[in-house]
Protein backbone atom coordinates (compact mmCIF):
# COMPACT_ATOMS: atom_id res chain seq x y z
CA UNK A 1 0.00 0.00 0.00
CA UNK A 2 1.13 3.49 -0.82
CA UNK A 3 1.64 5.79 2.17
CA UNK A 4 -0.44 8.56 0.52
CA UNK A 5 -3.37 6.17 0.10
CA UNK A 6 -3.24 5.17 3.77
CA UNK A 7 -3.17 8.82 4.86
CA UNK A 8 -6.15 9.72 2.63
CA UNK A 9 -8.06 6.69 3.91
CA UNK A 10 -7.55 7.62 7.56
CA UNK A 11 -8.38 11.28 6.90
CA UNK A 12 -11.68 10.21 5.32
CA UNK A 13 -12.33 7.88 8.24
CA UNK A 14 -11.68 10.72 10.70
CA UNK A 15 -14.04 13.01 8.78
CA UNK A 16 -16.77 10.35 8.85
CA UNK A 17 -16.29 9.93 12.60
CA UNK A 18 -16.65 13.69 13.06
CA UNK A 19 -19.95 13.63 11.13
CA UNK A 20 -21.18 10.76 13.31
CA UNK A 21 -20.16 12.58 16.50
CA UNK A 22 -21.90 15.75 15.33
CA UNK A 23 -25.06 13.78 14.59
CA UNK A 24 -24.96 12.11 17.98
CA UNK A 25 -24.61 15.34 19.94
CA UNK A 26 -26.43 17.92 17.80
CA UNK A 27 -29.32 15.84 16.46
CA UNK A 28 -29.25 13.16 19.18
CA UNK A 29 -29.83 10.39 16.65
CA UNK A 30 -28.76 7.68 19.10
CA UNK A 31 -32.01 8.11 21.06
CA UNK A 32 -33.98 5.25 19.57
CA UNK A 33 -36.31 4.53 22.44
CA UNK A 34 -39.23 2.96 20.59
CA UNK A 35 -39.99 -0.66 21.35
CA UNK A 36 -40.51 -1.70 17.71
CA UNK A 37 -37.71 -1.94 15.18
CA UNK A 38 -39.74 -0.27 12.42
CA UNK A 39 -40.46 2.75 14.63
CA UNK A 40 -36.77 3.13 15.46
CA UNK A 41 -35.92 2.81 11.77
CA UNK A 42 -38.25 5.68 10.89
CA UNK A 43 -36.95 7.74 13.79
CA UNK A 44 -33.35 7.25 12.65
CA UNK A 45 -34.31 8.25 9.10
CA UNK A 46 -35.93 11.42 10.42
CA UNK A 47 -32.78 12.21 12.42
CA UNK A 48 -30.66 11.69 9.30
CA UNK A 49 -32.98 14.00 7.36
CA UNK A 50 -32.68 16.67 10.07
CA UNK A 51 -28.88 16.32 10.01
CA UNK A 52 -28.78 16.69 6.23
CA UNK A 53 -31.12 19.69 6.30
CA UNK A 54 -28.98 21.31 8.99
CA UNK A 55 -25.84 20.74 6.93
CA UNK A 56 -27.55 22.10 3.84
CA UNK A 57 -28.66 25.19 5.69
CA UNK A 58 -25.24 25.74 7.24
CA UNK A 59 -23.18 25.27 4.09
CA UNK A 60 -25.40 26.58 1.29
CA UNK A 61 -28.19 28.77 2.63
CA UNK A 62 -26.49 30.77 5.37
CA UNK A 63 -23.83 33.49 5.07
CA UNK A 64 -20.16 32.51 4.96
CA UNK A 65 -19.65 33.85 8.51
CA UNK A 66 -21.64 30.96 10.00
CA UNK A 67 -20.49 28.22 7.63
CA UNK A 68 -17.92 26.98 10.17
CA UNK A 69 -20.47 26.67 13.02
CA UNK A 70 -21.24 23.18 14.25
CA UNK A 71 -24.82 21.99 14.11
CA UNK A 72 -24.95 22.28 17.90
CA UNK A 73 -23.97 25.95 17.71
CA UNK A 74 -26.44 26.54 14.90
CA UNK A 75 -29.21 24.97 16.96
CA UNK A 76 -28.32 26.88 20.12
CA UNK A 77 -27.90 30.29 18.49
CA UNK A 78 -30.63 30.27 15.87
CA UNK A 79 -33.21 27.60 16.56
CA UNK A 80 -33.48 27.52 20.35
CA UNK A 81 -34.15 31.19 21.00
CA UNK A 82 -35.98 31.38 24.28
CA UNK A 83 -38.90 33.72 24.67
CA UNK A 84 -42.13 34.00 26.57
CA UNK A 85 -45.45 34.99 25.01
CA UNK A 86 -47.40 37.21 27.37
CA UNK A 87 -51.13 37.65 26.77
CA UNK A 88 -53.01 40.60 28.20
CA UNK A 89 -56.09 42.69 27.50
CA UNK A 90 -54.62 44.48 24.46
CA UNK A 91 -53.20 41.40 22.79
CA UNK A 92 -50.00 39.40 23.04
CA UNK A 93 -46.31 40.22 23.03
CA UNK A 94 -43.02 38.37 23.24
CA UNK A 95 -40.85 39.02 26.30
CA UNK A 96 -37.53 37.89 27.72
CA UNK A 97 -35.67 37.16 24.51
CA UNK A 98 -32.28 35.70 25.22
CA UNK A 99 -29.08 37.39 24.10
CA UNK A 100 -28.79 35.11 21.06
CA UNK A 101 -31.80 36.78 19.48
CA UNK A 102 -29.38 39.47 18.33
CA UNK A 103 -27.59 36.79 16.29
CA UNK A 104 -30.86 35.93 14.57
CA UNK A 105 -31.54 39.59 13.76
CA UNK A 106 -28.04 40.01 12.31
CA UNK A 107 -28.51 36.86 10.24
CA UNK A 108 -31.90 38.01 8.98
CA UNK A 109 -30.38 41.35 7.94
CA UNK A 110 -27.49 39.68 6.13
CA UNK A 111 -29.93 37.39 4.27
CA UNK A 112 -32.07 40.37 3.30
CA UNK A 113 -35.09 39.16 5.26
CA UNK A 114 -35.12 42.27 7.47
CA UNK A 115 -34.04 45.85 6.87
C-alpha cells in the first residue's frame, strides 16, 4: 500500500467519525427509544434528514460567517431562542428574549429578510 493512500483513507475515516459525533450530539440520533424496530428505523431516518437539512442550511443557505459553526452551535444560536409569550387585554407580546436573538436579527439582515 502506498503511504499517501493510507493517509487519505484515515483522513476520510476521521471526517466520517466527526460527522457521526456531530449527529450524535447535535441531532441526538442515538435516542432510539421505541420498542418496535420499524419505529426506530423511521426515527433514525428522520434524524438523518434533520442532520442533512442542517448541513444544507449551514453550508449553502447561510452566510459565509456561519459556515464553520457546528450543528450544535447553529441549533443553540438560531433555533433555540428562548422567549415568553405574554397575553393581556390588548393582545400578546413576546418578552424575555435571550441574548442570542441578536444573532438571529443580524442573520436576517445579512440574508435580506429584514431591513
